[in-house]
Structure formats: structure tokens, C-alpha cells
């Protein structure tokens, strides 16, 4: 296995990580920012106020994009197995 192959595999892995986890992280960030603005505007300093909406939003987004996540991970897995097959004897 050459350095170029390792770099290619790492690049693909990071790409698929961002594709799979990116939407969930963006929704969590957006919900947290909106709630923080709401808390600052109303002077509410409740720590648990951000937790429940974030959990609900992340849960809903995960359910909505789950088929896309599975297909992306399946594509990456197939690519990795085909690379292993090419390296065989």
C-alpha cells in the first residue's frame, strides 16, 4: 500500500464523514443558535432549555436523512472492498 493510496482512502473517509454527519451537526448548531438568541432576548438562563429541542431536531433529521446516510456508507464500503480486491494477489 503506497502513501498515495492511504491519502486517497483518508480523503474519501473524511468526505463521507462530512456528508453523513454534516446535516445533523448543522441542524444542531442552528437550533442551538436560535435558542441562544431567544434566551438572550428574554433573559432566560435555563440550561436545560437548549437540550430538549436539540435532541428532538437531531432525532428528526436523523430519521429524515437515514436512507441517504445508509446509501452513502454503503457506497464507501463497496469502494473500500473493491480497493481490497484490486490489491489481491
N, C-alpha and C. Protein backbone atom coordinates (compact mmCIF):
# COMPACT_ATOMS: atom_id res chain seq x y z
N UNK A 1 0.85 -1.17 0.00
CA UNK A 1 0.00 0.00 0.00
C UNK A 1 0.90 1.23 0.00
N UNK A 2 0.68 2.10 -0.95
CA UNK A 2 1.52 3.28 -1.08
C UNK A 2 0.94 4.45 -0.28
N UNK A 3 1.76 5.48 -0.15
CA UNK A 3 1.30 6.68 0.55
C UNK A 3 0.14 7.34 -0.17
N UNK A 4 0.16 7.28 -1.48
CA UNK A 4 -0.92 7.86 -2.26
C UNK A 4 -2.25 7.16 -2.00
N UNK A 5 -2.21 5.84 -1.88
CA UNK A 5 -3.44 5.09 -1.60
C UNK A 5 -3.99 5.41 -0.22
N UNK A 6 -3.08 5.53 0.75
CA UNK A 6 -3.52 5.87 2.12
C UNK A 6 -4.15 7.25 2.14
N UNK A 7 -3.52 8.19 1.43
CA UNK A 7 -4.06 9.55 1.37
C UNK A 7 -5.42 9.56 0.68
N UNK A 8 -5.57 8.77 -0.37
CA UNK A 8 -6.84 8.69 -1.08
C UNK A 8 -7.93 8.10 -0.19
N UNK A 9 -7.61 7.05 0.53
CA UNK A 9 -8.59 6.43 1.44
C UNK A 9 -8.98 7.39 2.55
N UNK A 10 -7.98 8.08 3.14
CA UNK A 10 -8.28 9.03 4.21
C UNK A 10 -9.14 10.18 3.69
N UNK A 11 -8.85 10.65 2.49
CA UNK A 11 -9.66 11.73 1.90
C UNK A 11 -11.10 11.31 1.68
N UNK A 12 -11.28 10.09 1.16
CA UNK A 12 -12.65 9.59 0.95
C UNK A 12 -13.36 9.40 2.29
N UNK A 13 -12.63 8.91 3.28
CA UNK A 13 -13.25 8.70 4.59
C UNK A 13 -13.72 10.03 5.19
N UNK A 14 -12.87 11.05 5.12
CA UNK A 14 -13.27 12.36 5.65
C UNK A 14 -14.44 12.95 4.85
N UNK A 15 -14.44 12.73 3.54
CA UNK A 15 -15.54 13.22 2.71
C UNK A 15 -16.86 12.58 3.14
N UNK A 16 -16.85 11.26 3.30
CA UNK A 16 -18.09 10.58 3.68
C UNK A 16 -18.50 10.90 5.11
N UNK A 17 -17.54 11.13 5.98
CA UNK A 17 -17.88 11.55 7.35
C UNK A 17 -18.62 12.88 7.32
N UNK A 18 -18.11 13.82 6.52
CA UNK A 18 -18.77 15.13 6.44
C UNK A 18 -20.14 15.03 5.77
N UNK A 19 -20.26 14.18 4.78
CA UNK A 19 -21.55 14.01 4.09
C UNK A 19 -22.58 13.39 5.03
N UNK A 20 -22.17 12.42 5.83
CA UNK A 20 -23.11 11.72 6.71
C UNK A 20 -23.43 12.54 7.95
N UNK A 21 -22.42 13.13 8.57
CA UNK A 21 -22.62 13.84 9.84
C UNK A 21 -22.92 15.32 9.69
N UNK A 22 -22.58 15.89 8.55
CA UNK A 22 -22.75 17.33 8.33
C UNK A 22 -24.15 17.86 8.56
N UNK A 23 -25.17 17.26 7.94
CA UNK A 23 -26.53 17.79 8.14
C UNK A 23 -26.99 17.75 9.60
N UNK A 24 -26.63 16.70 10.30
CA UNK A 24 -27.02 16.59 11.71
C UNK A 24 -26.34 17.68 12.53
N UNK A 25 -25.06 17.88 12.29
CA UNK A 25 -24.33 18.91 13.03
C UNK A 25 -24.84 20.31 12.71
N UNK A 26 -25.17 20.55 11.44
CA UNK A 26 -25.69 21.87 11.06
C UNK A 26 -27.04 22.15 11.71
N UNK A 27 -27.90 21.16 11.77
CA UNK A 27 -29.21 21.35 12.42
C UNK A 27 -29.02 21.60 13.91
N UNK A 28 -28.14 20.84 14.54
CA UNK A 28 -27.88 21.04 15.97
C UNK A 28 -27.32 22.43 16.24
N UNK A 29 -26.42 22.88 15.39
CA UNK A 29 -25.84 24.21 15.53
C UNK A 29 -26.90 25.29 15.34
N UNK A 30 -27.73 25.13 14.33
CA UNK A 30 -28.76 26.13 14.04
C UNK A 30 -29.79 26.21 15.18
N UNK A 31 -30.25 25.07 15.65
CA UNK A 31 -31.23 25.07 16.75
C UNK A 31 -30.61 25.68 18.00
N UNK A 32 -29.38 25.33 18.30
CA UNK A 32 -28.70 25.90 19.46
C UNK A 32 -28.55 27.41 19.36
N UNK A 33 -28.22 27.90 18.16
CA UNK A 33 -28.06 29.34 17.96
C UNK A 33 -29.39 30.07 18.11
N UNK A 34 -30.44 29.51 17.54
CA UNK A 34 -31.77 30.14 17.66
C UNK A 34 -32.21 30.19 19.12
N UNK A 35 -32.02 29.12 19.84
CA UNK A 35 -32.42 29.10 21.25
C UNK A 35 -31.56 30.04 22.08
N UNK A 36 -30.28 30.14 21.75
CA UNK A 36 -29.41 31.07 22.47
C UNK A 36 -29.83 32.51 22.25
N UNK A 37 -30.22 32.84 21.02
CA UNK A 37 -30.72 34.19 20.73
C UNK A 37 -32.01 34.44 21.49
N UNK A 38 -32.88 33.44 21.52
CA UNK A 38 -34.13 33.56 22.27
C UNK A 38 -33.86 33.76 23.76
N UNK A 39 -32.91 33.02 24.31
CA UNK A 39 -32.57 33.15 25.73
C UNK A 39 -31.97 34.53 26.02
N UNK A 40 -31.15 35.02 25.11
CA UNK A 40 -30.56 36.35 25.33
C UNK A 40 -31.61 37.44 25.23
N UNK A 41 -32.57 37.28 24.33
CA UNK A 41 -33.60 38.29 24.16
C UNK A 41 -34.58 38.32 25.33
N UNK A 42 -34.83 37.16 25.93
CA UNK A 42 -35.81 37.10 27.01
C UNK A 42 -35.19 37.00 28.39
N UNK A 43 -33.88 37.00 28.47
CA UNK A 43 -33.14 36.90 29.74
C UNK A 43 -33.46 35.61 30.51
N UNK A 44 -33.77 34.56 29.79
CA UNK A 44 -33.99 33.25 30.41
C UNK A 44 -32.64 32.55 30.46
N UNK A 45 -32.24 32.10 31.62
CA UNK A 45 -30.93 31.46 31.75
C UNK A 45 -31.06 29.98 32.14
N UNK A 46 -32.06 29.33 31.62
CA UNK A 46 -32.27 27.92 31.92
C UNK A 46 -31.33 27.07 31.07
N UNK A 47 -30.52 26.24 31.70
CA UNK A 47 -29.52 25.44 30.99
C UNK A 47 -30.15 24.31 30.19
N UNK A 48 -31.25 23.75 30.68
CA UNK A 48 -31.85 22.60 30.00
C UNK A 48 -32.73 22.99 28.83
N UNK A 49 -32.96 24.28 28.63
CA UNK A 49 -33.84 24.73 27.55
C UNK A 49 -33.28 24.37 26.18
N UNK A 50 -31.96 24.34 26.03
CA UNK A 50 -31.38 24.02 24.73
C UNK A 50 -31.32 22.52 24.47
N UNK A 51 -31.33 21.73 25.51
CA UNK A 51 -31.12 20.30 25.35
C UNK A 51 -32.26 19.60 24.62
N UNK A 52 -33.47 19.78 25.06
CA UNK A 52 -34.62 19.06 24.51
C UNK A 52 -34.87 19.41 23.05
N UNK A 53 -34.91 20.69 22.67
CA UNK A 53 -35.12 20.98 21.23
C UNK A 53 -34.00 20.45 20.34
N UNK A 54 -32.76 20.48 20.84
CA UNK A 54 -31.66 19.93 20.04
C UNK A 54 -31.82 18.43 19.85
N UNK A 55 -32.17 17.72 20.89
CA UNK A 55 -32.35 16.28 20.79
C UNK A 55 -33.48 15.94 19.82
N UNK A 56 -34.57 16.67 19.91
CA UNK A 56 -35.71 16.43 19.01
C UNK A 56 -35.32 16.73 17.57
N UNK A 57 -34.63 17.85 17.34
CA UNK A 57 -34.23 18.23 15.98
C UNK A 57 -33.25 17.22 15.39
N UNK A 58 -32.27 16.80 16.19
CA UNK A 58 -31.29 15.83 15.71
C UNK A 58 -31.98 14.49 15.41
N UNK A 59 -32.90 14.09 16.26
CA UNK A 59 -33.63 12.84 16.04
C UNK A 59 -34.44 12.90 14.74
N UNK A 60 -35.14 14.01 14.51
CA UNK A 60 -35.96 14.15 13.31
C UNK A 60 -35.09 14.17 12.04
N UNK A 61 -33.99 14.91 12.09
CA UNK A 61 -33.11 14.98 10.92
C UNK A 61 -32.48 13.62 10.65
N UNK A 62 -32.10 12.92 11.70
CA UNK A 62 -31.51 11.59 11.52
C UNK A 62 -32.51 10.64 10.86
N UNK A 63 -33.75 10.69 11.27
CA UNK A 63 -34.77 9.85 10.66
C UNK A 63 -35.01 10.24 9.20
N UNK A 64 -35.01 11.55 8.92
CA UNK A 64 -35.28 12.00 7.56
C UNK A 64 -34.15 11.66 6.59
N UNK A 65 -32.90 11.77 7.03
CA UNK A 65 -31.79 11.52 6.11
C UNK A 65 -31.18 10.13 6.28
N UNK A 66 -31.80 9.28 7.07
CA UNK A 66 -31.24 7.95 7.32
C UNK A 66 -31.04 7.14 6.03
N UNK A 67 -31.99 7.14 5.09
CA UNK A 67 -31.74 6.40 3.84
C UNK A 67 -30.51 6.93 3.09
N UNK A 68 -30.35 8.24 3.06
CA UNK A 68 -29.18 8.84 2.41
C UNK A 68 -27.90 8.44 3.14
N UNK A 69 -27.94 8.45 4.46
CA UNK A 69 -26.77 8.06 5.24
C UNK A 69 -26.38 6.62 4.96
N UNK A 70 -27.35 5.73 4.92
CA UNK A 70 -27.08 4.32 4.67
C UNK A 70 -26.51 4.12 3.27
N UNK A 71 -27.09 4.80 2.27
CA UNK A 71 -26.58 4.63 0.91
C UNK A 71 -25.16 5.19 0.77
N UNK A 72 -24.85 6.28 1.45
CA UNK A 72 -23.50 6.83 1.41
C UNK A 72 -22.50 5.89 2.07
N UNK A 73 -22.86 5.34 3.22
CA UNK A 73 -21.96 4.41 3.89
C UNK A 73 -21.79 3.12 3.08
N UNK A 74 -22.87 2.69 2.41
CA UNK A 74 -22.80 1.50 1.57
C UNK A 74 -21.87 1.75 0.38
N UNK A 75 -21.97 2.93 -0.23
CA UNK A 75 -21.09 3.28 -1.34
C UNK A 75 -19.63 3.27 -0.91
N UNK A 76 -19.36 3.87 0.24
CA UNK A 76 -17.99 3.91 0.75
C UNK A 76 -17.47 2.50 1.03
N UNK A 77 -18.30 1.67 1.63
CA UNK A 77 -17.90 0.30 1.93
C UNK A 77 -17.60 -0.49 0.66
N UNK A 78 -18.44 -0.33 -0.34
CA UNK A 78 -18.21 -1.02 -1.62
C UNK A 78 -16.91 -0.54 -2.27
N UNK A 79 -16.65 0.77 -2.19
CA UNK A 79 -15.40 1.29 -2.73
C UNK A 79 -14.19 0.70 -2.00
N UNK A 80 -14.28 0.58 -0.70
CA UNK A 80 -13.16 0.02 0.07
C UNK A 80 -12.95 -1.46 -0.25
N UNK A 81 -14.03 -2.21 -0.36
CA UNK A 81 -13.89 -3.62 -0.70
C UNK A 81 -13.35 -3.81 -2.12
N UNK A 82 -13.74 -2.94 -3.03
CA UNK A 82 -13.20 -3.06 -4.40
C UNK A 82 -11.72 -2.71 -4.42
N UNK A 83 -11.27 -1.80 -3.57
CA UNK A 83 -9.84 -1.49 -3.48
C UNK A 83 -9.07 -2.69 -2.91
N UNK A 84 -9.65 -3.37 -1.93
CA UNK A 84 -9.01 -4.56 -1.36
C UNK A 84 -8.91 -5.64 -2.43
N UNK A 85 -9.97 -5.78 -3.21
CA UNK A 85 -9.99 -6.79 -4.27
C UNK A 85 -8.90 -6.52 -5.31
N UNK A 86 -8.68 -5.25 -5.63
CA UNK A 86 -7.66 -4.88 -6.62
C UNK A 86 -6.24 -5.14 -6.09
N UNK A 87 -6.07 -5.07 -4.77
CA UNK A 87 -4.74 -5.26 -4.18
C UNK A 87 -4.39 -6.73 -4.00
N UNK A 88 -5.34 -7.61 -4.22
CA UNK A 88 -5.12 -9.05 -4.01
C UNK A 88 -4.00 -9.60 -4.89
N UNK A 89 -3.65 -10.87 -4.65
CA UNK A 89 -2.54 -11.47 -5.39
C UNK A 89 -2.81 -11.70 -6.80
